[in-house]
Amino acid sequence: MIRFFKEDTGFSLKGKASVKRWLKEVAVRESRRIGDINIIFCSDPCLLDINRRFLGHDYYTDIITFDNCEGTTLNGDLFISIDCVRENAKEYADGRFDEELARVMVHGILHLIGYDDHTPEEQKTMRQKENDYLSIRA
């Protein structure tokens, strides 16, 4: 089950049912199934605090993924900074917030599936997967 929450932000996701269907389809195409996934929308300061406390990183980011997967079942928490997504949309998505938010959500799902983005090769694969799955979004 995919659930949506918000922490210290007024943001509310529109079209939750279609987002859930889309992310479930991504999982199926990767031979996975959705277990318990929490997508938590928050602010930059909130995500920075999580980054510092749990990962020891002192920088802003758009998403932090906590993986609790079991076998082929995807379980985890995706913390997404709405502030960062808004800023990144200006630079990377021609100002289209919804497009950038979808990219960040599928990016988190891809991390749960096992894709990483530490090396240039991994980043290329991740970006291609993001683009592929953005193209099937309703």
C-alpha atoms as a PDB file:
ATOM      1  CA  MET A   1       0.000   0.000   0.000  1.00  0.00           C
ATOM      2  CA  ILE A   2       1.306   3.454  -0.861  1.00  0.00           C
ATOM      3  CA  ARG A   3       0.434   6.160   1.639  1.00  0.00           C
ATOM      4  CA  PHE A   4       1.080   9.893   1.507  1.00  0.00           C
ATOM      5  CA  PHE A   5       1.909  12.122   4.459  1.00  0.00           C
ATOM      6  CA  LYS A   6       3.141  15.636   5.037  1.00  0.00           C
ATOM      7  CA  GLU A   7       5.518  16.980   7.637  1.00  0.00           C
ATOM      8  CA  ASP A   8       5.847  20.742   8.224  1.00  0.00           C
ATOM      9  CA  THR A   9       4.463  21.652   4.800  1.00  0.00           C
ATOM     10  CA  GLY A  10       1.037  22.615   3.523  1.00  0.00           C
ATOM     11  CA  PHE A  11       1.573  20.671   0.312  1.00  0.00           C
ATOM     12  CA  SER A  12      -1.102  18.172  -0.642  1.00  0.00           C
ATOM     13  CA  LEU A  13      -0.666  15.821  -3.584  1.00  0.00           C
ATOM     14  CA  LYS A  14      -3.419  15.862  -6.194  1.00  0.00           C
ATOM     15  CA  GLY A  15      -4.330  12.706  -8.092  1.00  0.00           C
ATOM     16  CA  LYS A  16      -3.134  10.278  -5.438  1.00  0.00           C
ATOM     17  CA  ALA A  17      -4.982   7.325  -6.980  1.00  0.00           C
ATOM     18  CA  SER A  18      -3.331   7.781 -10.380  1.00  0.00           C
ATOM     19  CA  VAL A  19       0.108   8.185  -8.764  1.00  0.00           C
ATOM     20  CA  LYS A  20      -0.429   4.939  -6.852  1.00  0.00           C
ATOM     21  CA  ARG A  21      -1.464   3.103 -10.043  1.00  0.00           C
ATOM     22  CA  TRP A  22       1.564   4.469 -11.887  1.00  0.00           C
ATOM     23  CA  LEU A  23       4.065   3.520  -9.175  1.00  0.00           C
ATOM     24  CA  LYS A  24       2.512   0.048  -8.903  1.00  0.00           C
ATOM     25  CA  GLU A  25       2.976  -0.346 -12.668  1.00  0.00           C
ATOM     26  CA  VAL A  26       6.646   0.662 -12.307  1.00  0.00           C
ATOM     27  CA  ALA A  27       7.068  -2.052  -9.673  1.00  0.00           C
ATOM     28  CA  VAL A  28       5.359  -4.679 -11.845  1.00  0.00           C
ATOM     29  CA  ARG A  29       7.564  -3.828 -14.837  1.00  0.00           C
ATOM     30  CA  GLU A  30      10.591  -4.341 -12.593  1.00  0.00           C
ATOM     31  CA  SER A  31       9.248  -7.713 -11.351  1.00  0.00           C
ATOM     32  CA  ARG A  32       8.482  -6.299  -7.927  1.00  0.00           C
ATOM     33  CA  ARG A  33       5.371  -5.731  -5.884  1.00  0.00           C
ATOM     34  CA  ILE A  34       4.371  -2.850  -3.662  1.00  0.00           C
ATOM     35  CA  GLY A  35       4.332  -3.599   0.050  1.00  0.00           C
ATOM     36  CA  ASP A  36       4.242  -0.678   2.479  1.00  0.00           C
ATOM     37  CA  ILE A  37       5.577   2.551   1.028  1.00  0.00           C
ATOM     38  CA  ASN A  38       5.206   5.865   2.807  1.00  0.00           C
ATOM     39  CA  ILE A  39       5.816   9.014   0.802  1.00  0.00           C
ATOM     40  CA  ILE A  40       6.352  11.916   3.172  1.00  0.00           C
ATOM     41  CA  PHE A  41       6.368  15.453   1.780  1.00  0.00           C
ATOM     42  CA  CYS A  42       8.348  17.908   3.873  1.00  0.00           C
ATOM     43  CA  SER A  43      10.361  21.138   3.822  1.00  0.00           C
ATOM     44  CA  ASP A  44      14.066  21.716   3.153  1.00  0.00           C
ATOM     45  CA  PRO A  45      14.868  22.215   6.861  1.00  0.00           C
ATOM     46  CA  CYS A  46      13.073  18.993   7.770  1.00  0.00           C
ATOM     47  CA  LEU A  47      14.905  16.940   5.132  1.00  0.00           C
ATOM     48  CA  LEU A  48      18.238  18.550   6.031  1.00  0.00           C
ATOM     49  CA  ASP A  49      17.673  17.492   9.633  1.00  0.00           C
ATOM     50  CA  ILE A  50      16.931  13.902   8.520  1.00  0.00           C
ATOM     51  CA  ASN A  51      20.008  13.944   6.301  1.00  0.00           C
ATOM     52  CA  ARG A  52      22.195  15.080   9.202  1.00  0.00           C
ATOM     53  CA  ARG A  53      20.725  12.773  11.849  1.00  0.00           C
ATOM     54  CA  PHE A  54      20.395   9.542   9.908  1.00  0.00           C
ATOM     55  CA  LEU A  55      22.969   9.763   7.121  1.00  0.00           C
ATOM     56  CA  GLY A  56      25.585  12.128   8.548  1.00  0.00           C
ATOM     57  CA  HIS A  57      25.316  14.417   5.519  1.00  0.00           C
ATOM     58  CA  ASP A  58      25.207  18.192   5.931  1.00  0.00           C
ATOM     59  CA  TYR A  59      23.515  19.254   2.697  1.00  0.00           C
ATOM     60  CA  TYR A  60      20.107  19.770   1.143  1.00  0.00           C
ATOM     61  CA  THR A  61      18.639  17.144  -1.146  1.00  0.00           C
ATOM     62  CA  ASP A  62      15.325  16.475  -2.855  1.00  0.00           C
ATOM     63  CA  ILE A  63      14.744  12.939  -1.562  1.00  0.00           C
ATOM     64  CA  ILE A  64      15.974  10.515   1.049  1.00  0.00           C
ATOM     65  CA  THR A  65      14.932   6.894   0.675  1.00  0.00           C
ATOM     66  CA  PHE A  66      14.869   4.477   3.592  1.00  0.00           C
ATOM     67  CA  ASP A  67      14.792   0.926   2.247  1.00  0.00           C
ATOM     68  CA  ASN A  68      12.944  -1.784   4.180  1.00  0.00           C
ATOM     69  CA  CYS A  69      12.415  -4.142   1.249  1.00  0.00           C
ATOM     70  CA  GLU A  70      11.946  -7.858   1.708  1.00  0.00           C
ATOM     71  CA  GLY A  71      12.799  -9.935  -1.330  1.00  0.00           C
ATOM     72  CA  THR A  72      10.784  -8.636  -4.257  1.00  0.00           C
ATOM     73  CA  THR A  73       8.369  -6.672  -2.048  1.00  0.00           C
ATOM     74  CA  LEU A  74       9.036  -2.950  -1.933  1.00  0.00           C
ATOM     75  CA  ASN A  75       8.801  -1.423   1.530  1.00  0.00           C
ATOM     76  CA  GLY A  76      10.228   1.902   2.564  1.00  0.00           C
ATOM     77  CA  ASP A  77       9.909   5.564   3.357  1.00  0.00           C
ATOM     78  CA  LEU A  78      10.495   8.290   0.788  1.00  0.00           C
ATOM     79  CA  PHE A  79      11.055  11.726   2.323  1.00  0.00           C
ATOM     80  CA  ILE A  80      10.671  14.401  -0.350  1.00  0.00           C
ATOM     81  CA  SER A  81      11.501  18.075   0.077  1.00  0.00           C
ATOM     82  CA  ILE A  82       8.788  20.058  -1.665  1.00  0.00           C
ATOM     83  CA  ASP A  83      11.010  23.166  -1.430  1.00  0.00           C
ATOM     84  CA  CYS A  84      13.835  21.439  -3.287  1.00  0.00           C
ATOM     85  CA  VAL A  85      11.497  19.940  -5.887  1.00  0.00           C
ATOM     86  CA  ARG A  86      10.086  23.428  -6.601  1.00  0.00           C
ATOM     87  CA  GLU A  87      13.590  24.840  -7.076  1.00  0.00           C
ATOM     88  CA  ASN A  88      14.748  21.906  -9.208  1.00  0.00           C
ATOM     89  CA  ALA A  89      11.656  22.162 -11.403  1.00  0.00           C
ATOM     90  CA  LYS A  90      12.820  25.614 -12.499  1.00  0.00           C
ATOM     91  CA  GLU A  91      16.189  24.255 -13.592  1.00  0.00           C
ATOM     92  CA  TYR A  92      15.458  20.724 -14.786  1.00  0.00           C
ATOM     93  CA  ALA A  93      11.781  20.522 -15.744  1.00  0.00           C
ATOM     94  CA  ASP A  94      11.068  23.848 -17.459  1.00  0.00           C
ATOM     95  CA  GLY A  95       9.228  24.985 -14.349  1.00  0.00           C
ATOM     96  CA  ARG A  96       6.867  21.996 -14.364  1.00  0.00           C
ATOM     97  CA  PHE A  97       6.588  21.144 -10.679  1.00  0.00           C
ATOM     98  CA  ASP A  98       4.373  18.079 -11.285  1.00  0.00           C
ATOM     99  CA  GLU A  99       6.919  16.637 -13.717  1.00  0.00           C
ATOM    100  CA  GLU A 100       9.829  17.117 -11.306  1.00  0.00           C
ATOM    101  CA  LEU A 101       7.826  15.701  -8.394  1.00  0.00           C
ATOM    102  CA  ALA A 102       6.963  12.608 -10.451  1.00  0.00           C
ATOM    103  CA  ARG A 103      10.652  12.185 -11.335  1.00  0.00           C
ATOM    104  CA  VAL A 104      11.643  12.367  -7.675  1.00  0.00           C
ATOM    105  CA  MET A 105       8.955   9.873  -6.622  1.00  0.00           C
ATOM    106  CA  VAL A 106       9.959   7.327  -9.262  1.00  0.00           C
ATOM    107  CA  HIS A 107      13.607   7.948  -8.376  1.00  0.00           C
ATOM    108  CA  GLY A 108      12.830   6.839  -4.821  1.00  0.00           C
ATOM    109  CA  ILE A 109      10.981   3.754  -6.059  1.00  0.00           C
ATOM    110  CA  LEU A 110      13.954   2.895  -8.285  1.00  0.00           C
ATOM    111  CA  HIS A 111      16.231   3.098  -5.247  1.00  0.00           C
ATOM    112  CA  LEU A 112      13.937   0.631  -3.454  1.00  0.00           C
ATOM    113  CA  ILE A 113      14.150  -1.664  -6.475  1.00  0.00           C
ATOM    114  CA  GLY A 114      17.934  -1.596  -6.177  1.00  0.00           C
ATOM    115  CA  TYR A 115      19.146   1.044  -8.613  1.00  0.00           C
ATOM    116  CA  ASP A 116      21.823   3.412  -7.377  1.00  0.00           C
ATOM    117  CA  ASP A 117      23.268   6.686  -8.615  1.00  0.00           C
ATOM    118  CA  HIS A 118      26.757   6.999  -7.160  1.00  0.00           C
ATOM    119  CA  THR A 119      28.763   6.562 -10.374  1.00  0.00           C
ATOM    120  CA  PRO A 120      28.263   8.247 -13.762  1.00  0.00           C
ATOM    121  CA  GLU A 121      27.191   4.892 -15.238  1.00  0.00           C
ATOM    122  CA  GLU A 122      24.632   4.332 -12.453  1.00  0.00           C
ATOM    123  CA  GLN A 123      23.368   7.903 -12.888  1.00  0.00           C
ATOM    124  CA  LYS A 124      22.892   7.303 -16.611  1.00  0.00           C
ATOM    125  CA  THR A 125      20.934   4.100 -15.952  1.00  0.00           C
ATOM    126  CA  MET A 126      18.833   5.801 -13.264  1.00  0.00           C
ATOM    127  CA  ARG A 127      18.006   8.754 -15.535  1.00  0.00           C
ATOM    128  CA  GLN A 128      17.034   6.423 -18.380  1.00  0.00           C
ATOM    129  CA  LYS A 129      14.753   4.416 -16.079  1.00  0.00           C
ATOM    130  CA  GLU A 130      13.200   7.646 -14.752  1.00  0.00           C
ATOM    131  CA  ASN A 131      12.540   8.825 -18.312  1.00  0.00           C
ATOM    132  CA  ASP A 132      11.109   5.451 -19.343  1.00  0.00           C
ATOM    133  CA  TYR A 133       8.704   5.410 -16.416  1.00  0.00           C
ATOM    134  CA  LEU A 134       7.759   9.067 -16.712  1.00  0.00           C
ATOM    135  CA  SER A 135       6.644   8.281 -20.261  1.00  0.00           C
ATOM    136  CA  ILE A 136       4.011   5.787 -19.016  1.00  0.00           C
ATOM    137  CA  ARG A 137       2.594   8.135 -16.373  1.00  0.00           C
ATOM    138  CA  ALA A 138      -1.097   8.866 -16.937  1.00  0.00           C
END
